[in-house]
Amino acid sequence: MPKVLIITSNHGELAGKPNGTYLPELTHAVEVLTAEGIEYDLASPKGGKIPGYGEDADDVTKKLLADPEFAARLESTKCLDDVDGSLYDAIFYPGGECIRLLFFGNEKSLFAFFSCLGEVTILAS
């Protein structure tokens, strides 16, 4: 069964305002993956809870955020240092203003992004 690693940001502030992963870009991808029977893991540079915005953007996002299993995943993402990239068939980076900050000072995320180009598909919204 295919498996996707979704890498999000732990960075929750931009220009002094709350920010993070744009949740609709995450939730819509998860909805499609789940409908297709594709497994996924959420990871972030530090692991743990990820900040996000756009919680009330649409019904898909509201539905997934109300799901206890998905909400628990948002609270406990895997730390990139603990991720074995060979277990995944694709990497997905959901958008948000802070996704670009994901790479600064995080060699593991940068390595995952560039080293997998020939081995897996990288999807970015």
PDB file of N, CA and C in Angstrom:
ATOM      1  N   MET A   1       0.849  -1.180   0.000  1.00  0.00           N
ATOM      2  CA  MET A   1       0.000   0.000   0.000  1.00  0.00           C
ATOM      3  C   MET A   1       0.894   1.243   0.000  1.00  0.00           C
ATOM      4  N   PRO A   2       0.611   2.219  -0.858  1.00  0.00           N
ATOM      5  CA  PRO A   2       1.413   3.447  -0.877  1.00  0.00           C
ATOM      6  C   PRO A   2       1.309   4.223   0.429  1.00  0.00           C
ATOM      7  N   LYS A   3       2.373   4.962   0.718  1.00  0.00           N
ATOM      8  CA  LYS A   3       2.400   5.764   1.934  1.00  0.00           C
ATOM      9  C   LYS A   3       3.051   7.113   1.623  1.00  0.00           C
ATOM     10  N   VAL A   4       2.457   8.176   2.165  1.00  0.00           N
ATOM     11  CA  VAL A   4       2.911   9.536   1.918  1.00  0.00           C
ATOM     12  C   VAL A   4       3.360  10.175   3.230  1.00  0.00           C
ATOM     13  N   LEU A   5       4.479  10.870   3.168  1.00  0.00           N
ATOM     14  CA  LEU A   5       4.942  11.667   4.295  1.00  0.00           C
ATOM     15  C   LEU A   5       4.526  13.107   4.039  1.00  0.00           C
ATOM     16  N   ILE A   6       3.761  13.671   4.956  1.00  0.00           N
ATOM     17  CA  ILE A   6       3.339  15.065   4.856  1.00  0.00           C
ATOM     18  C   ILE A   6       4.188  15.860   5.844  1.00  0.00           C
ATOM     19  N   ILE A   7       5.010  16.775   5.302  1.00  0.00           N
ATOM     20  CA  ILE A   7       5.901  17.564   6.144  1.00  0.00           C
ATOM     21  C   ILE A   7       5.315  18.957   6.330  1.00  0.00           C
ATOM     22  N   THR A   8       5.104  19.308   7.584  1.00  0.00           N
ATOM     23  CA  THR A   8       4.519  20.596   7.932  1.00  0.00           C
ATOM     24  C   THR A   8       5.553  21.436   8.685  1.00  0.00           C
ATOM     25  N   SER A   9       5.165  22.621   9.030  1.00  0.00           N
ATOM     26  CA  SER A   9       6.058  23.547   9.718  1.00  0.00           C
ATOM     27  C   SER A   9       5.723  23.628  11.203  1.00  0.00           C
ATOM     28  N   ASN A  10       6.738  23.853  12.018  1.00  0.00           N
ATOM     29  CA  ASN A  10       6.513  24.165  13.432  1.00  0.00           C
ATOM     30  C   ASN A  10       6.499  25.665  13.663  1.00  0.00           C
ATOM     31  N   HIS A  11       6.804  26.413  12.632  1.00  0.00           N
ATOM     32  CA  HIS A  11       6.904  27.866  12.757  1.00  0.00           C
ATOM     33  C   HIS A  11       5.490  28.452  12.783  1.00  0.00           C
ATOM     34  N   GLY A  12       5.128  29.104  13.863  1.00  0.00           N
ATOM     35  CA  GLY A  12       3.760  29.573  14.032  1.00  0.00           C
ATOM     36  C   GLY A  12       3.573  31.071  13.995  1.00  0.00           C
ATOM     37  N   GLU A  13       4.614  31.795  13.580  1.00  0.00           N
ATOM     38  CA  GLU A  13       4.488  33.254  13.577  1.00  0.00           C
ATOM     39  C   GLU A  13       5.221  33.816  12.368  1.00  0.00           C
ATOM     40  N   LEU A  14       4.620  34.801  11.750  1.00  0.00           N
ATOM     41  CA  LEU A  14       5.247  35.481  10.632  1.00  0.00           C
ATOM     42  C   LEU A  14       4.941  36.965  10.754  1.00  0.00           C
ATOM     43  N   ALA A  15       5.977  37.767  10.804  1.00  0.00           N
ATOM     44  CA  ALA A  15       5.835  39.225  10.946  1.00  0.00           C
ATOM     45  C   ALA A  15       5.002  39.575  12.179  1.00  0.00           C
ATOM     46  N   GLY A  16       5.197  38.805  13.253  1.00  0.00           N
ATOM     47  CA  GLY A  16       4.512  39.090  14.504  1.00  0.00           C
ATOM     48  C   GLY A  16       3.068  38.641  14.572  1.00  0.00           C
ATOM     49  N   LYS A  17       2.596  37.918  13.555  1.00  0.00           N
ATOM     50  CA  LYS A  17       1.200  37.452  13.537  1.00  0.00           C
ATOM     51  C   LYS A  17       1.171  35.928  13.507  1.00  0.00           C
ATOM     52  N   PRO A  18       0.127  35.333  14.089  1.00  0.00           N
ATOM     53  CA  PRO A  18       0.006  33.877  14.071  1.00  0.00           C
ATOM     54  C   PRO A  18      -0.021  33.347  12.635  1.00  0.00           C
ATOM     55  N   ASN A  19       0.620  32.210  12.431  1.00  0.00           N
ATOM     56  CA  ASN A  19       0.700  31.633  11.099  1.00  0.00           C
ATOM     57  C   ASN A  19       0.914  30.140  11.233  1.00  0.00           C
ATOM     58  N   GLY A  20       1.522  29.518  10.257  1.00  0.00           N
ATOM     59  CA  GLY A  20       1.781  28.082  10.281  1.00  0.00           C
ATOM     60  C   GLY A  20       1.366  27.440   8.976  1.00  0.00           C
ATOM     61  N   THR A  21       0.956  26.196   9.046  1.00  0.00           N
ATOM     62  CA  THR A  21       0.473  25.474   7.876  1.00  0.00           C
ATOM     63  C   THR A  21      -0.932  25.955   7.538  1.00  0.00           C
ATOM     64  N   TYR A  22      -1.189  26.176   6.252  1.00  0.00           N
ATOM     65  CA  TYR A  22      -2.536  26.551   5.835  1.00  0.00           C
ATOM     66  C   TYR A  22      -3.362  25.265   5.828  1.00  0.00           C
ATOM     67  N   LEU A  23      -4.201  25.122   6.831  1.00  0.00           N
ATOM     68  CA  LEU A  23      -4.884  23.857   7.098  1.00  0.00           C
ATOM     69  C   LEU A  23      -5.724  23.321   5.941  1.00  0.00           C
ATOM     70  N   PRO A  24      -6.429  24.158   5.161  1.00  0.00           N
ATOM     71  CA  PRO A  24      -7.175  23.588   4.031  1.00  0.00           C
ATOM     72  C   PRO A  24      -6.286  22.850   3.030  1.00  0.00           C
ATOM     73  N   GLU A  25      -5.053  23.286   2.838  1.00  0.00           N
ATOM     74  CA  GLU A  25      -4.179  22.574   1.918  1.00  0.00           C
ATOM     75  C   GLU A  25      -3.764  21.224   2.492  1.00  0.00           C
ATOM     76  N   LEU A  26      -3.710  21.133   3.792  1.00  0.00           N
ATOM     77  CA  LEU A  26      -3.441  19.860   4.448  1.00  0.00           C
ATOM     78  C   LEU A  26      -4.683  18.977   4.447  1.00  0.00           C
ATOM     79  N   THR A  27      -5.808  19.519   4.860  1.00  0.00           N
ATOM     80  CA  THR A  27      -7.018  18.700   5.002  1.00  0.00           C
ATOM     81  C   THR A  27      -7.536  18.178   3.663  1.00  0.00           C
ATOM     82  N   HIS A  28      -7.448  18.977   2.627  1.00  0.00           N
ATOM     83  CA  HIS A  28      -7.925  18.506   1.315  1.00  0.00           C
ATOM     84  C   HIS A  28      -7.040  17.382   0.793  1.00  0.00           C
ATOM     85  N   ALA A  29      -5.736  17.475   1.014  1.00  0.00           N
ATOM     86  CA  ALA A  29      -4.842  16.393   0.613  1.00  0.00           C
ATOM     87  C   ALA A  29      -5.144  15.123   1.405  1.00  0.00           C
ATOM     88  N   VAL A  30      -5.332  15.275   2.709  1.00  0.00           N
ATOM     89  CA  VAL A  30      -5.632  14.112   3.551  1.00  0.00           C
ATOM     90  C   VAL A  30      -6.951  13.474   3.138  1.00  0.00           C
ATOM     91  N   GLU A  31      -7.929  14.284   2.797  1.00  0.00           N
ATOM     92  CA  GLU A  31      -9.218  13.736   2.350  1.00  0.00           C
ATOM     93  C   GLU A  31      -9.036  12.874   1.102  1.00  0.00           C
ATOM     94  N   VAL A  32      -8.256  13.341   0.143  1.00  0.00           N
ATOM     95  CA  VAL A  32      -8.020  12.584  -1.088  1.00  0.00           C
ATOM     96  C   VAL A  32      -7.216  11.325  -0.798  1.00  0.00           C
ATOM     97  N   LEU A  33      -6.159  11.448  -0.011  1.00  0.00           N
ATOM     98  CA  LEU A  33      -5.352  10.274   0.327  1.00  0.00           C
ATOM     99  C   LEU A  33      -6.200   9.202   1.010  1.00  0.00           C
ATOM    100  N   THR A  34      -6.991   9.623   1.970  1.00  0.00           N
ATOM    101  CA  THR A  34      -7.834   8.684   2.709  1.00  0.00           C
ATOM    102  C   THR A  34      -8.855   8.014   1.796  1.00  0.00           C
ATOM    103  N   ALA A  35      -9.475   8.801   0.924  1.00  0.00           N
ATOM    104  CA  ALA A  35     -10.475   8.249  -0.010  1.00  0.00           C
ATOM    105  C   ALA A  35      -9.849   7.217  -0.943  1.00  0.00           C
ATOM    106  N   GLU A  36      -8.580   7.394  -1.260  1.00  0.00           N
ATOM    107  CA  GLU A  36      -7.880   6.464  -2.153  1.00  0.00           C
ATOM    108  C   GLU A  36      -7.209   5.319  -1.406  1.00  0.00           C
ATOM    109  N   GLY A  37      -7.367   5.287  -0.091  1.00  0.00           N
ATOM    110  CA  GLY A  37      -6.777   4.217   0.703  1.00  0.00           C
ATOM    111  C   GLY A  37      -5.269   4.341   0.860  1.00  0.00           C
ATOM    112  N   ILE A  38      -4.757   5.555   0.744  1.00  0.00           N
ATOM    113  CA  ILE A  38      -3.323   5.788   0.870  1.00  0.00           C
ATOM    114  C   ILE A  38      -3.013   6.229   2.301  1.00  0.00           C
ATOM    115  N   GLU A  39      -2.074   5.542   2.917  1.00  0.00           N
ATOM    116  CA  GLU A  39      -1.669   5.885   4.277  1.00  0.00           C
ATOM    117  C   GLU A  39      -0.802   7.135   4.261  1.00  0.00           C
ATOM    118  N   TYR A  40      -0.789   7.836   5.383  1.00  0.00           N
ATOM    119  CA  TYR A  40       0.053   9.026   5.491  1.00  0.00           C
ATOM    120  C   TYR A  40       0.507   9.208   6.927  1.00  0.00           C
ATOM    121  N   ASP A  41       1.637   9.878   7.063  1.00  0.00           N
ATOM    122  CA  ASP A  41       2.139  10.307   8.357  1.00  0.00           C
ATOM    123  C   ASP A  41       2.381  11.798   8.291  1.00  0.00           C
ATOM    124  N   LEU A  42       2.182  12.462   9.416  1.00  0.00           N
ATOM    125  CA  LEU A  42       2.490  13.886   9.529  1.00  0.00           C
ATOM    126  C   LEU A  42       3.814  14.030  10.264  1.00  0.00           C
ATOM    127  N   ALA A  43       4.678  14.886   9.731  1.00  0.00           N
ATOM    128  CA  ALA A  43       5.971  15.134  10.370  1.00  0.00           C
ATOM    129  C   ALA A  43       6.257  16.634  10.342  1.00  0.00           C
ATOM    130  N   SER A  44       7.133  17.044  11.226  1.00  0.00           N
ATOM    131  CA  SER A  44       7.560  18.442  11.284  1.00  0.00           C
ATOM    132  C   SER A  44       8.985  18.456  11.830  1.00  0.00           C
ATOM    133  N   PRO A  45       9.710  19.556  11.635  1.00  0.00           N
ATOM    134  CA  PRO A  45      11.100  19.587  12.076  1.00  0.00           C
ATOM    135  C   PRO A  45      11.299  19.239  13.554  1.00  0.00           C
ATOM    136  N   LYS A  46      10.429  19.721  14.413  1.00  0.00           N
ATOM    137  CA  LYS A  46      10.569  19.487  15.854  1.00  0.00           C
ATOM    138  C   LYS A  46       9.657  18.377  16.363  1.00  0.00           C
ATOM    139  N   GLY A  47       8.708  17.954  15.550  1.00  0.00           N
ATOM    140  CA  GLY A  47       7.708  16.998  16.011  1.00  0.00           C
ATOM    141  C   GLY A  47       6.696  17.702  16.900  1.00  0.00           C
ATOM    142  N   GLY A  48       5.718  16.948  17.362  1.00  0.00           N
ATOM    143  CA  GLY A  48       4.711  17.516  18.251  1.00  0.00           C
ATOM    144  C   GLY A  48       3.655  18.324  17.529  1.00  0.00           C
ATOM    145  N   LYS A  49       3.040  19.221  18.264  1.00  0.00           N
ATOM    146  CA  LYS A  49       1.925  20.022  17.756  1.00  0.00           C
ATOM    147  C   LYS A  49       2.404  20.994  16.669  1.00  0.00           C
ATOM    148  N   ILE A  50       1.594  21.090  15.619  1.00  0.00           N
ATOM    149  CA  ILE A  50       1.914  22.052  14.569  1.00  0.00           C
ATOM    150  C   ILE A  50       0.924  23.207  14.593  1.00  0.00           C
ATOM    151  N   PRO A  51       1.403  24.419  14.370  1.00  0.00           N
ATOM    152  CA  PRO A  51       0.505  25.563  14.280  1.00  0.00           C
ATOM    153  C   PRO A  51      -0.119  25.617  12.886  1.00  0.00           C
ATOM    154  N   GLY A  52      -1.298  26.185  12.817  1.00  0.00           N
ATOM    155  CA  GLY A  52      -1.958  26.309  11.522  1.00  0.00           C
ATOM    156  C   GLY A  52      -2.978  27.423  11.541  1.00  0.00           C
ATOM    157  N   TYR A  53      -3.466  27.728  10.354  1.00  0.00           N
ATOM    158  CA  TYR A  53      -4.520  28.740  10.227  1.00  0.00           C
ATOM    159  C   TYR A  53      -5.463  28.310   9.116  1.00  0.00           C
ATOM    160  N   GLY A  54      -6.609  28.961   9.055  1.00  0.00           N
ATOM    161  CA  GLY A  54      -7.631  28.597   8.074  1.00  0.00           C
ATOM    162  C   GLY A  54      -8.573  27.517   8.578  1.00  0.00           C
ATOM    163  N   GLU A  55      -8.711  27.430   9.915  1.00  0.00           N
ATOM    164  CA  GLU A  55      -9.536  26.373  10.520  1.00  0.00           C
ATOM    165  C   GLU A  55     -10.980  26.385  10.038  1.00  0.00           C
ATOM    166  N   ASP A  56     -11.487  27.549   9.714  1.00  0.00           N
ATOM    167  CA  ASP A  56     -12.905  27.654   9.321  1.00  0.00           C
ATOM    168  C   ASP A  56     -13.062  27.960   7.838  1.00  0.00           C
ATOM    169  N   ALA A  57     -12.058  27.622   7.031  1.00  0.00           N
ATOM    170  CA  ALA A  57     -12.070  27.969   5.617  1.00  0.00           C
ATOM    171  C   ALA A  57     -13.156  27.253   4.827  1.00  0.00           C
ATOM    172  N   ASP A  58     -13.419  25.997   5.142  1.00  0.00           N
ATOM    173  CA  ASP A  58     -14.409  25.242   4.365  1.00  0.00           C
ATOM    174  C   ASP A  58     -14.864  24.009   5.147  1.00  0.00           C
ATOM    175  N   ASP A  59     -15.850  23.328   4.584  1.00  0.00           N
ATOM    176  CA  ASP A  59     -16.445  22.181   5.267  1.00  0.00           C
ATOM    177  C   ASP A  59     -15.482  21.000   5.415  1.00  0.00           C
ATOM    178  N   VAL A  60     -14.630  20.770   4.423  1.00  0.00           N
ATOM    179  CA  VAL A  60     -13.671  19.665   4.512  1.00  0.00           C
ATOM    180  C   VAL A  60     -12.745  19.876   5.705  1.00  0.00           C
ATOM    181  N   THR A  61     -12.245  21.089   5.827  1.00  0.00           N
ATOM    182  CA  THR A  61     -11.330  21.402   6.925  1.00  0.00           C
ATOM    183  C   THR A  61     -12.031  21.288   8.269  1.00  0.00           C
ATOM    184  N   LYS A  62     -13.218  21.842   8.371  1.00  0.00           N
ATOM    185  CA  LYS A  62     -13.968  21.758   9.633  1.00  0.00           C
ATOM    186  C   LYS A  62     -14.240  20.305  10.015  1.00  0.00           C
ATOM    187  N   LYS A  63     -14.616  19.489   9.029  1.00  0.00           N
ATOM    188  CA  LYS A  63     -14.930  18.079   9.291  1.00  0.00           C
ATOM    189  C   LYS A  63     -13.696  17.334   9.806  1.00  0.00           C
ATOM    190  N   LEU A  64     -12.567  17.516   9.142  1.00  0.00           N
ATOM    191  CA  LEU A  64     -11.365  16.804   9.573  1.00  0.00           C
ATOM    192  C   LEU A  64     -10.859  17.291  10.923  1.00  0.00           C
ATOM    193  N   LEU A  65     -10.921  18.585  11.169  1.00  0.00           N
ATOM    194  CA  LEU A  65     -10.461  19.101  12.461  1.00  0.00           C
ATOM    195  C   LEU A  65     -11.348  18.621  13.609  1.00  0.00           C
ATOM    196  N   ALA A  66     -12.595  18.286  13.308  1.00  0.00           N
ATOM    197  CA  ALA A  66     -13.507  17.761  14.324  1.00  0.00           C
ATOM    198  C   ALA A  66     -13.299  16.264  14.562  1.00  0.00           C
ATOM    199  N   ASP A  67     -12.531  15.607  13.680  1.00  0.00           N
ATOM    200  CA  ASP A  67     -12.262  14.180  13.812  1.00  0.00           C
ATOM    201  C   ASP A  67     -11.166  13.972  14.866  1.00  0.00           C
ATOM    202  N   PRO A  68     -11.462  13.246  15.942  1.00  0.00           N
ATOM    203  CA  PRO A  68     -10.479  13.074  17.026  1.00  0.00           C
ATOM    204  C   PRO A  68      -9.153  12.455  16.578  1.00  0.00           C
ATOM    205  N   GLU A  69      -9.203  11.508  15.655  1.00  0.00           N
ATOM    206  CA  GLU A  69      -7.971  10.856  15.191  1.00  0.00           C
ATOM    207  C   GLU A  69      -7.083  11.851  14.428  1.00  0.00           C
ATOM    208  N   PHE A  70      -7.685  12.639  13.548  1.00  0.00           N
ATOM    209  CA  PHE A  70      -6.911  13.625  12.805  1.00  0.00           C
ATOM    210  C   PHE A  70      -6.378  14.716  13.739  1.00  0.00           C
ATOM    211  N   ALA A  71      -7.226  15.174  14.656  1.00  0.00           N
ATOM    212  CA  ALA A  71      -6.802  16.201  15.616  1.00  0.00           C
ATOM    213  C   ALA A  71      -5.611  15.705  16.436  1.00  0.00           C
ATOM    214  N   ALA A  72      -5.627  14.432  16.804  1.00  0.00           N
ATOM    215  CA  ALA A  72      -4.509  13.861  17.561  1.00  0.00           C
ATOM    216  C   ALA A  72      -3.227  13.853  16.729  1.00  0.00           C
ATOM    217  N   ARG A  73      -3.349  13.605  15.443  1.00  0.00           N
ATOM    218  CA  ARG A  73      -2.178  13.625  14.566  1.00  0.00           C
ATOM    219  C   ARG A  73      -1.571  15.027  14.503  1.00  0.00           C
ATOM    220  N   LEU A  74      -2.417  16.047  14.495  1.00  0.00           N
ATOM    221  CA  LEU A  74      -1.924  17.426  14.465  1.00  0.00           C
ATOM    222  C   LEU A  74      -1.182  17.778  15.754  1.00  0.00           C
ATOM    223  N   GLU A  75      -1.566  17.154  16.836  1.00  0.00           N
ATOM    224  CA  GLU A  75      -0.948  17.408  18.141  1.00  0.00           C
ATOM    225  C   GLU A  75       0.357  16.644  18.328  1.00  0.00           C
ATOM    226  N   SER A  76       0.564  15.604  17.539  1.00  0.00           N
ATOM    227  CA  SER A  76       1.738  14.748  17.778  1.00  0.00           C
ATOM    228  C   SER A  76       2.403  14.318  16.472  1.00  0.00           C
ATOM    229  N   THR A  77       2.848  15.282  15.669  1.00  0.00           N
ATOM    230  CA  THR A  77       3.546  14.938  14.440  1.00  0.00           C
ATOM    231  C   THR A  77       4.887  14.293  14.765  1.00  0.00           C
ATOM    232  N   LYS A  78       5.369  13.488  13.840  1.00  0.00           N
ATOM    233  CA  LYS A  78       6.677  12.854  14.012  1.00  0.00           C
ATOM    234  C   LYS A  78       7.774  13.903  13.832  1.00  0.00           C
ATOM    235  N   CYS A  79       8.826  13.777  14.576  1.00  0.00           N
ATOM    236  CA  CYS A  79       9.996  14.635  14.400  1.00  0.00           C
ATOM    237  C   CYS A  79      10.754  14.146  13.163  1.00  0.00           C
ATOM    238  N   LEU A  80      11.170  15.071  12.306  1.00  0.00           N
ATOM    239  CA  LEU A  80      11.878  14.672  11.092  1.00  0.00           C
ATOM    240  C   LEU A  80      13.118  13.834  11.379  1.00  0.00           C
ATOM    241  N   ASP A  81      13.755  14.068  12.502  1.00  0.00           N
ATOM    242  CA  ASP A  81      14.936  13.276  12.847  1.00  0.00           C
ATOM    243  C   ASP A  81      14.612  11.801  13.058  1.00  0.00           C
ATOM    244  N   ASP A  82      13.350  11.501  13.335  1.00  0.00           N
ATOM    245  CA  ASP A  82      12.933  10.128  13.593  1.00  0.00           C
ATOM    246  C   ASP A  82      12.274   9.459  12.392  1.00  0.00           C
ATOM    247  N   VAL A  83      12.245  10.144  11.258  1.00  0.00           N
ATOM    248  CA  VAL A  83      11.555   9.628  10.079  1.00  0.00           C
ATOM    249  C   VAL A  83      12.528   8.876   9.182  1.00  0.00           C
ATOM    250  N   ASP A  84      12.117   7.686   8.747  1.00  0.00           N
ATOM    251  CA  ASP A  84      12.875   6.898   7.779  1.00  0.00           C
ATOM    252  C   ASP A  84      12.243   7.126   6.409  1.00  0.00           C
ATOM    253  N   GLY A  85      12.878   7.943   5.592  1.00  0.00           N
ATOM    254  CA  GLY A  85      12.323   8.303   4.292  1.00  0.00           C
ATOM    255  C   GLY A  85      12.099   7.127   3.364  1.00  0.00           C
ATOM    256  N   SER A  86      12.787   6.022   3.588  1.00  0.00           N
ATOM    257  CA  SER A  86      12.620   4.866   2.701  1.00  0.00           C
ATOM    258  C   SER A  86      11.252   4.198   2.850  1.00  0.00           C
ATOM    259  N   LEU A  87      10.501   4.574   3.873  1.00  0.00           N
ATOM    260  CA  LEU A  87       9.184   3.977   4.093  1.00  0.00           C
ATOM    261  C   LEU A  87       8.077   4.660   3.290  1.00  0.00           C
ATOM    262  N   TYR A  88       8.424   5.720   2.547  1.00  0.00           N
ATOM    263  CA  TYR A  88       7.406   6.534   1.876  1.00  0.00           C
ATOM    264  C   TYR A  88       7.581   6.523   0.372  1.00  0.00           C
ATOM    265  N   ASP A  89       6.446   6.622  -0.300  1.00  0.00           N
ATOM    266  CA  ASP A  89       6.426   6.662  -1.754  1.00  0.00           C
ATOM    267  C   ASP A  89       6.344   8.085  -2.287  1.00  0.00           C
ATOM    268  N   ALA A  90       5.951   9.015  -1.444  1.00  0.00           N
ATOM    269  CA  ALA A  90       5.836  10.413  -1.846  1.00  0.00           C
ATOM    270  C   ALA A  90       5.970  11.310  -0.630  1.00  0.00           C
ATOM    271  N   ILE A  91       6.363  12.547  -0.884  1.00  0.00           N
ATOM    272  CA  ILE A  91       6.422  13.578   0.149  1.00  0.00           C
ATOM    273  C   ILE A  91       5.518  14.707  -0.294  1.00  0.00           C
ATOM    274  N   PHE A  92       4.714  15.212   0.634  1.00  0.00           N
ATOM    275  CA  PHE A  92       3.816  16.333   0.336  1.00  0.00           C
ATOM    276  C   PHE A  92       4.079  17.449   1.329  1.00  0.00           C
ATOM    277  N   TYR A  93       4.251  18.656   0.815  1.00  0.00           N
ATOM    278  CA  TYR A  93       4.428  19.851   1.642  1.00  0.00           C
ATOM    279  C   TYR A  93       3.188  20.717   1.465  1.00  0.00           C
ATOM    280  N   PRO A  94       2.262  20.725   2.431  1.00  0.00           N
ATOM    281  CA  PRO A  94       1.119  21.621   2.307  1.00  0.00           C
ATOM    282  C   PRO A  94       1.584  23.068   2.442  1.00  0.00           C
ATOM    283  N   GLY A  95       0.848  23.958   1.832  1.00  0.00           N
ATOM    284  CA  GLY A  95       1.243  25.359   1.804  1.00  0.00           C
ATOM    285  C   GLY A  95       1.006  26.102   3.101  1.00  0.00           C
ATOM    286  N   GLY A  96       1.243  27.369   3.006  1.00  0.00           N
ATOM    287  CA  GLY A  96       1.156  28.271   4.142  1.00  0.00           C
ATOM    288  C   GLY A  96       2.365  29.180   4.086  1.00  0.00           C
ATOM    289  N   GLU A  97       2.217  30.338   4.610  1.00  0.00           N
ATOM    290  CA  GLU A  97       3.314  31.303   4.566  1.00  0.00           C
ATOM    291  C   GLU A  97       4.566  30.791   5.248  1.00  0.00           C
ATOM    292  N   CYS A  98       4.423  29.957   6.246  1.00  0.00           N
ATOM    293  CA  CYS A  98       5.596  29.512   7.010  1.00  0.00           C
ATOM    294  C   CYS A  98       6.285  28.290   6.428  1.00  0.00           C
ATOM    295  N   ILE A  99       5.744  27.704   5.363  1.00  0.00           N
ATOM    296  CA  ILE A  99       6.389  26.514   4.803  1.00  0.00           C
ATOM    297  C   ILE A  99       7.793  26.842   4.302  1.00  0.00           C
ATOM    298  N   ARG A 100       7.985  28.052   3.806  1.00  0.00           N
ATOM    299  CA  ARG A 100       9.324  28.414   3.321  1.00  0.00           C
ATOM    300  C   ARG A 100      10.329  28.490   4.466  1.00  0.00           C
ATOM    301  N   LEU A 101       9.860  28.742   5.675  1.00  0.00           N
ATOM    302  CA  LEU A 101      10.745  28.795   6.835  1.00  0.00           C
ATOM    303  C   LEU A 101      11.128  27.403   7.316  1.00  0.00           C
ATOM    304  N   LEU A 102      10.466  26.400   6.788  1.00  0.00           N
ATOM    305  CA  LEU A 102      10.723  25.013   7.166  1.00  0.00           C
ATOM    306  C   LEU A 102      12.164  24.616   6.884  1.00  0.00           C
ATOM    307  N   PHE A 103      12.728  25.139   5.804  1.00  0.00           N
ATOM    308  CA  PHE A 103      14.047  24.699   5.375  1.00  0.00           C
ATOM    309  C   PHE A 103      15.191  25.400   6.078  1.00  0.00           C
ATOM    310  N   PHE A 104      14.976  26.606   6.579  1.00  0.00           N
ATOM    311  CA  PHE A 104      16.058  27.354   7.203  1.00  0.00           C
ATOM    312  C   PHE A 104      16.470  26.695   8.518  1.00  0.00           C
ATOM    313  N   GLY A 105      17.724  26.266   8.563  1.00  0.00           N
ATOM    314  CA  GLY A 105      18.240  25.651   9.777  1.00  0.00           C
ATOM    315  C   GLY A 105      17.781  24.225   9.989  1.00  0.00           C
ATOM    316  N   ASN A 106      17.179  23.616   8.960  1.00  0.00           N
ATOM    317  CA  ASN A 106      16.721  22.244   9.118  1.00  0.00           C
ATOM    318  C   ASN A 106      17.251  21.403   7.965  1.00  0.00           C
ATOM    319  N   GLU A 107      18.419  20.853   8.145  1.00  0.00           N
ATOM    320  CA  GLU A 107      19.062  20.088   7.095  1.00  0.00           C
ATOM    321  C   GLU A 107      18.279  18.833   6.729  1.00  0.00           C
ATOM    322  N   LYS A 108      17.627  18.217   7.692  1.00  0.00           N
ATOM    323  CA  LYS A 108      16.897  16.972   7.417  1.00  0.00           C
ATOM    324  C   LYS A 108      15.756  17.229   6.444  1.00  0.00           C
ATOM    325  N   SER A 109      15.002  18.301   6.637  1.00  0.00           N
ATOM    326  CA  SER A 109      13.909  18.614   5.739  1.00  0.00           C
ATOM    327  C   SER A 109      14.434  18.975   4.356  1.00  0.00           C
ATOM    328  N   LEU A 110      15.501  19.736   4.320  1.00  0.00           N
ATOM    329  CA  LEU A 110      16.095  20.124   3.051  1.00  0.00           C
ATOM    330  C   LEU A 110      16.616  18.892   2.322  1.00  0.00           C
ATOM    331  N   PHE A 111      17.251  17.984   3.061  1.00  0.00           N
ATOM    332  CA  PHE A 111      17.751  16.742   2.473  1.00  0.00           C
ATOM    333  C   PHE A 111      16.590  15.912   1.926  1.00  0.00           C
ATOM    334  N   ALA A 112      15.508  15.789   2.692  1.00  0.00           N
ATOM    335  CA  ALA A 112      14.351  15.021   2.238  1.00  0.00           C
ATOM    336  C   ALA A 112      13.796  15.613   0.957  1.00  0.00           C
ATOM    337  N   PHE A 113      13.751  16.916   0.896  1.00  0.00           N
ATOM    338  CA  PHE A 113      13.184  17.585  -0.266  1.00  0.00           C
ATOM    339  C   PHE A 113      14.015  17.322  -1.518  1.00  0.00           C
ATOM    340  N   PHE A 114      15.320  17.468  -1.423  1.00  0.00           N
ATOM    341  CA  PHE A 114      16.156  17.360  -2.607  1.00  0.00           C
ATOM    342  C   PHE A 114      16.634  15.947  -2.916  1.00  0.00           C
ATOM    343  N   SER A 115      16.883  15.129  -1.914  1.00  0.00           N
ATOM    344  CA  SER A 115      17.439  13.805  -2.188  1.00  0.00           C
ATOM    345  C   SER A 115      16.406  12.845  -2.740  1.00  0.00           C
ATOM    346  N   CYS A 116      15.149  13.122  -2.518  1.00  0.00           N
ATOM    347  CA  CYS A 116      14.110  12.194  -2.954  1.00  0.00           C
ATOM    348  C   CYS A 116      13.597  12.489  -4.359  1.00  0.00           C
ATOM    349  N   LEU A 117      14.124  13.510  -4.990  1.00  0.00           N
ATOM    350  CA  LEU A 117      13.606  13.893  -6.299  1.00  0.00           C
ATOM    351  C   LEU A 117      13.571  12.726  -7.277  1.00  0.00           C
ATOM    352  N   GLY A 118      14.579  11.884  -7.268  1.00  0.00           N
ATOM    353  CA  GLY A 118      14.609  10.781  -8.203  1.00  0.00           C
ATOM    354  C   GLY A 118      13.942   9.529  -7.693  1.00  0.00           C
ATOM    355  N   GLU A 119      13.641   9.468  -6.416  1.00  0.00           N
ATOM    356  CA  GLU A 119      13.133   8.240  -5.823  1.00  0.00           C
ATOM    357  C   GLU A 119      11.651   8.282  -5.492  1.00  0.00           C
ATOM    358  N   VAL A 120      11.138   9.455  -5.180  1.00  0.00           N
ATOM    359  CA  VAL A 120       9.722   9.569  -4.837  1.00  0.00           C
ATOM    360  C   VAL A 120       9.157  10.804  -5.524  1.00  0.00           C
ATOM    361  N   THR A 121       7.875  10.917  -5.505  1.00  0.00           N
ATOM    362  CA  THR A 121       7.219  12.085  -6.052  1.00  0.00           C
ATOM    363  C   THR A 121       7.058  13.117  -4.958  1.00  0.00           C
ATOM    364  N   ILE A 122       7.397  14.346  -5.253  1.00  0.00           N
ATOM    365  CA  ILE A 122       7.204  15.432  -4.290  1.00  0.00           C
ATOM    366  C   ILE A 122       6.019  16.252  -4.759  1.00  0.00           C
ATOM    367  N   LEU A 123       5.040  16.387  -3.903  1.00  0.00           N
ATOM    368  CA  LEU A 123       3.836  17.144  -4.207  1.00  0.00           C
ATOM    369  C   LEU A 123       3.808  18.390  -3.348  1.00  0.00           C
ATOM    370  N   ALA A 124       3.587  19.511  -3.936  1.00  0.00           N
ATOM    371  CA  ALA A 124       3.485  20.756  -3.173  1.00  0.00           C
ATOM    372  C   ALA A 124       2.252  21.506  -3.619  1.00  0.00           C
ATOM    373  N   SER A 125       1.513  21.994  -2.657  1.00  0.00           N
ATOM    374  CA  SER A 125       0.297  22.719  -3.033  1.00  0.00           C
ATOM    375  C   SER A 125       0.571  24.193  -3.102  1.00  0.00           C
TER     376      SER A 125
END
